[in-house]
Structure formats: structure tokens, C-alpha cells
Amino acid sequence: MEIKKNGFYLIKNEFFKKFEENSLPFQKNGRPVYYCIQDKYNDKIFWVIALTTKLNKVEKAFEKAGGEEKCKIYCRFPSDKKSAFNIGDIFPITKEYVEREFIKTGKHYQLKDSNLIEKIEKKAITIIKIKMTNDNANNKGINVQKIYKQLSEEINLKIKIETENLKDETKEISKEQKEVEKKNPLIEKIQARRENKENSILTNKK
């Protein structure tokens, strides 16, 4: 399945069980996550944002920061008055852990508001940078460094296995080609002529 930027997705429960992060926003009532950014260093890793319905907490954060624009961890969702983007809890994932697209009105639900997309992405980049470069930032909330490292190891292992399998397949194909060549009368004649020619050259030299 192709993971489309600015799309909403449902994550497999396997992901939440495997990483055992108490702070991960477990999907309640089929609430989706928003695919925000492809990782800068590994194109197989995607950063996703969960939605929160704790709007009182969101408004308090806005008030404390001096307004929504100055608040790094939340962003209002104008088309959904009951939830907001919880950017502070952004976390990495790979497509292997994506269960399916989130469907709304019969089609994949994607964010279209370019201004909102830009606003979310700007805040997300700031949070990712903080959490990936500052160990203390992971002491509270989701330990994204830990998840990122494990995902990277899984990706590298998969690439290694695929490379080894490809080598084995190439060897097998090469072996089969040689067997076919041995059984091909035309190739046998060409090889016989070549050997006769080489023998003739050696005889003349003597």
C-alpha cells in the first residue's frame, strides 16, 4: 500500500503492543493518525500525528503559550470541532504497521487545506528536531528515539534478507542458464567449432 502524504490512516494494534510505550496514543474508537512528514534521513520512515479530543487541555496550552501560533505542541482542526492535532506526541512508523487508509464519505480522507498543512508541518519539524537531538525531551511522553532506532534496525534487517535472497536467486538463475546451454544443440555445435579451431591453431604452431 502506498502511504500518501497528508492522509489519515489506522495503525495496526501490533505496533502499540510491540513498542510498549505507555504514552503512545492508542487508537480509541477507530480514531486515525495523520501522516505529516516523511523522514529526512530514511524514506521508509513516516512521522504521524494523533488527534486528541481533550480540547480543554489544548485551549489551556494555547493560553499558556500566548496563542495557537506560539504553541508548538497542538494545532486546531477547523473541519473537526471535536478534536485537535496532538503534535507534541508525534511518532515514527513504517508502512508495515499501517493497517489501512481511514475512509470518510467513501474515500480516503486527506487534508486539503494548504495553510493548515504548512502550519502543522512547521510545528512537527520543530518537535521532531527537539526529540531526536535532546535525550531529555524523551523522558516524558513518547520515546521517539527508541522507536526510531528499532524501526531502523527492522528496515536494515529486511534489506539484508532481501539482498541475500536476491543473490541466491541470481545464482540459481545462472545455474539454470548453464544447464540450458549444455542441452542446447546449437550452442554445443558452436562450442565444438570453437574447440576445433583452437586445436587447429595449436597444431599449426607445432
Protein backbone atom coordinates (compact mmCIF):
# COMPACT_ATOMS: atom_id res chain seq x y z
CA MET A 1 0.00 0.00 0.00
CA GLU A 2 1.27 3.44 -0.93
CA ILE A 3 1.40 5.85 2.02
CA LYS A 4 0.10 9.21 0.82
CA LYS A 5 1.25 12.41 2.45
CA ASN A 6 -1.42 14.39 4.35
CA GLY A 7 -3.59 11.27 4.53
CA PHE A 8 -5.21 9.72 7.60
CA TYR A 9 -4.51 6.09 8.49
CA LEU A 10 -5.34 3.42 11.03
CA ILE A 11 -2.36 1.73 12.69
CA LYS A 12 -2.14 -2.00 13.45
CA ASN A 13 -2.55 -2.89 17.12
CA GLU A 14 0.65 -4.90 16.70
CA PHE A 15 2.60 -1.64 16.63
CA PHE A 16 1.31 -0.45 20.00
CA LYS A 17 1.89 -3.85 21.62
CA LYS A 18 5.37 -4.24 20.19
CA PHE A 19 6.80 -0.92 21.26
CA GLU A 20 5.21 -0.92 24.71
CA GLU A 21 5.18 2.84 25.05
CA ASN A 22 2.59 3.85 27.62
CA SER A 23 2.46 7.34 26.14
CA LEU A 24 1.60 6.17 22.63
CA PRO A 25 -1.89 7.43 21.71
CA PHE A 26 -3.59 4.04 21.35
CA GLN A 27 -6.36 4.17 18.76
CA LYS A 28 -9.64 4.61 20.55
CA ASN A 29 -12.90 4.16 18.69
CA GLY A 30 -11.05 3.87 15.39
CA ARG A 31 -9.53 7.34 15.67
CA PRO A 32 -6.88 7.70 12.93
CA VAL A 33 -3.42 9.24 12.79
CA TYR A 34 -2.33 11.90 10.32
CA TYR A 35 0.70 11.27 8.11
CA CYS A 36 2.62 14.51 8.30
CA ILE A 37 6.24 14.12 7.15
CA GLN A 38 8.50 11.56 5.51
CA ASP A 39 11.71 11.21 7.49
CA LYS A 40 14.62 13.34 6.28
CA TYR A 41 17.20 10.57 6.61
CA ASN A 42 15.22 7.39 5.97
CA ASP A 43 12.49 7.44 3.31
CA LYS A 44 10.93 4.27 4.73
CA ILE A 45 10.04 6.01 7.99
CA PHE A 46 6.98 8.27 8.29
CA TRP A 47 6.06 10.66 11.09
CA VAL A 48 2.42 10.57 12.16
CA ILE A 49 0.29 12.68 14.47
CA ALA A 50 -2.62 11.50 16.57
CA LEU A 51 -5.76 13.53 17.18
CA THR A 52 -6.84 14.46 20.69
CA THR A 53 -10.32 15.20 21.95
CA LYS A 54 -9.05 16.83 25.17
CA LEU A 55 -9.87 20.31 23.93
CA ASN A 56 -9.79 21.91 27.38
CA LYS A 57 -6.16 20.84 27.70
CA VAL A 58 -5.45 22.17 24.18
CA GLU A 59 -7.00 25.58 24.96
CA LYS A 60 -5.03 25.84 28.19
CA ALA A 61 -1.82 25.14 26.27
CA PHE A 62 -2.70 27.88 23.76
CA GLU A 63 -3.39 30.31 26.59
CA LYS A 64 -0.14 29.47 28.36
CA ALA A 65 1.91 29.85 25.15
CA GLY A 66 0.26 33.15 24.23
CA GLY A 67 -1.90 31.85 21.38
CA GLU A 68 -2.14 28.91 18.97
CA GLU A 69 0.64 30.19 16.69
CA LYS A 70 3.13 30.23 19.56
CA CYS A 71 2.11 26.80 20.85
CA LYS A 72 4.39 24.08 19.41
CA ILE A 73 2.52 21.01 20.57
CA TYR A 74 -1.07 21.49 19.37
CA CYS A 75 -2.94 22.72 16.31
CA ARG A 76 -6.68 23.23 15.89
CA PHE A 77 -8.55 21.08 13.37
CA PRO A 78 -11.06 23.57 11.83
CA SER A 79 -13.07 20.91 9.98
CA ASP A 80 -13.41 18.77 13.12
CA LYS A 81 -14.51 20.89 16.08
CA LYS A 82 -14.25 17.93 18.46
CA SER A 83 -10.52 17.25 18.05
CA ALA A 84 -7.09 18.84 17.54
CA PHE A 85 -3.70 17.71 16.22
CA ASN A 86 -1.53 16.49 19.09
CA ILE A 87 1.83 17.40 17.52
CA GLY A 88 3.70 17.01 20.80
CA ASP A 89 3.03 13.26 20.59
CA ILE A 90 4.25 12.84 17.00
CA PHE A 91 5.94 9.45 16.46
CA PRO A 92 7.65 7.49 13.65
CA ILE A 93 6.24 4.44 11.88
CA THR A 94 6.78 2.29 8.77
CA LYS A 95 4.16 1.15 6.28
CA GLU A 96 4.38 -2.41 7.64
CA TYR A 97 2.45 -1.20 10.68
CA VAL A 98 -0.25 0.65 8.72
CA GLU A 99 -3.48 -1.34 8.75
CA ARG A 100 -5.42 0.67 6.17
CA GLU A 101 -6.48 4.08 4.95
CA PHE A 102 -9.03 5.94 7.06
CA ILE A 103 -12.20 6.18 4.99
CA LYS A 104 -14.63 9.07 5.26
CA THR A 105 -17.63 9.59 2.94
CA GLY A 106 -16.50 6.59 0.90
CA LYS A 107 -12.92 7.63 0.14
CA HIS A 108 -9.50 8.02 1.71
CA TYR A 109 -9.59 11.03 4.00
CA GLN A 110 -6.80 13.51 3.21
CA LEU A 111 -6.09 17.01 4.43
CA LYS A 112 -6.51 19.57 1.63
CA ASP A 113 -6.09 22.89 3.44
CA SER A 114 -2.58 24.01 2.37
CA ASN A 115 -2.34 26.64 5.12
CA LEU A 116 -3.22 24.10 7.81
CA ILE A 117 -0.81 21.55 6.30
CA GLU A 118 2.00 24.10 6.37
CA LYS A 119 1.20 25.12 9.95
CA ILE A 120 1.20 21.51 11.19
CA GLU A 121 4.37 20.62 9.29
CA LYS A 122 6.26 23.61 10.65
CA LYS A 123 5.42 22.67 14.25
CA ALA A 124 6.12 19.00 13.57
CA ILE A 125 9.63 19.70 12.24
CA THR A 126 10.40 21.64 15.41
CA ILE A 127 9.18 18.83 17.70
CA ILE A 128 10.99 16.11 15.72
CA LYS A 129 14.24 18.06 15.89
CA ILE A 130 13.91 18.56 19.63
CA LYS A 131 13.05 14.92 20.36
CA MET A 132 15.70 13.44 18.08
CA THR A 133 18.54 15.63 19.36
CA ASN A 134 17.64 16.09 23.02
CA ASP A 135 17.54 12.92 25.15
CA ASN A 136 15.81 14.74 27.99
CA ALA A 137 12.87 15.56 25.70
CA ASN A 138 12.03 11.83 25.64
CA ASN A 139 11.94 11.42 29.41
CA LYS A 140 8.30 12.47 29.40
CA GLY A 141 5.91 11.29 26.73
CA ILE A 142 6.78 9.06 23.76
CA ASN A 143 10.40 7.95 23.46
CA VAL A 144 10.67 8.54 19.72
CA GLN A 145 14.42 7.89 19.67
CA LYS A 146 13.82 4.35 20.93
CA ILE A 147 11.06 3.69 18.37
CA TYR A 148 13.09 5.25 15.55
CA LYS A 149 16.12 3.10 16.35
CA GLN A 150 14.08 -0.11 16.41
CA LEU A 151 12.32 0.74 13.16
CA SER A 152 15.69 1.46 11.51
CA GLU A 153 17.02 -1.91 12.68
CA GLU A 154 13.94 -3.67 11.25
CA ILE A 155 14.38 -1.88 7.91
CA ASN A 156 18.10 -2.77 7.72
CA LEU A 157 17.39 -6.41 8.57
CA LYS A 158 14.71 -6.61 5.89
CA ILE A 159 17.06 -5.10 3.29
CA LYS A 160 19.79 -7.59 4.27
CA ILE A 161 17.42 -10.57 3.92
CA GLU A 162 16.12 -9.31 0.56
CA THR A 163 19.68 -8.80 -0.71
CA GLU A 164 20.69 -12.32 0.34
CA ASN A 165 17.59 -13.80 -1.29
CA LEU A 166 18.34 -11.89 -4.49
CA LYS A 167 21.89 -13.26 -4.54
CA ASP A 168 20.56 -16.81 -4.10
CA GLU A 169 18.02 -16.29 -6.91
CA THR A 170 20.74 -14.89 -9.21
CA LYS A 171 22.96 -17.91 -8.52
CA GLU A 172 20.06 -20.26 -9.22
CA ILE A 173 19.21 -18.49 -12.49
CA SER A 174 22.87 -18.60 -13.56
CA LYS A 175 23.00 -22.32 -12.79
CA GLU A 176 19.81 -22.95 -14.79
CA GLN A 177 21.17 -20.96 -17.73
CA LYS A 178 24.31 -23.10 -17.81
CA GLU A 179 22.20 -26.26 -17.75
CA VAL A 180 20.12 -24.95 -20.65
CA GLU A 181 23.26 -24.08 -22.62
CA LYS A 182 24.61 -27.58 -22.11
CA LYS A 183 21.40 -29.09 -23.50
CA ASN A 184 21.15 -26.67 -26.47
CA PRO A 185 22.45 -28.46 -29.67
CA LEU A 186 23.23 -25.17 -31.39
CA ILE A 187 25.38 -23.97 -28.50
CA GLU A 188 27.11 -27.37 -28.40
CA LYS A 189 27.97 -27.06 -32.13
CA ILE A 190 29.34 -23.54 -31.65
CA GLN A 191 31.45 -24.70 -28.74
CA ALA A 192 32.70 -27.73 -30.73
CA ARG A 193 33.69 -25.50 -33.66
CA ARG A 194 35.46 -23.13 -31.30
CA GLU A 195 37.38 -26.05 -29.74
CA ASN A 196 38.30 -27.45 -33.20
CA LYS A 197 39.52 -24.03 -34.31
CA GLU A 198 41.65 -23.67 -31.18
CA ASN A 199 43.09 -27.17 -31.67
CA SER A 200 43.86 -26.40 -35.32
CA ILE A 201 45.73 -23.22 -34.33
CA LEU A 202 47.78 -25.15 -31.78
CA THR A 203 48.60 -27.91 -34.35
CA ASN A 204 49.78 -25.36 -36.95
CA LYS A 205 52.02 -23.70 -34.38
CA LYS A 206 53.72 -27.02 -33.76
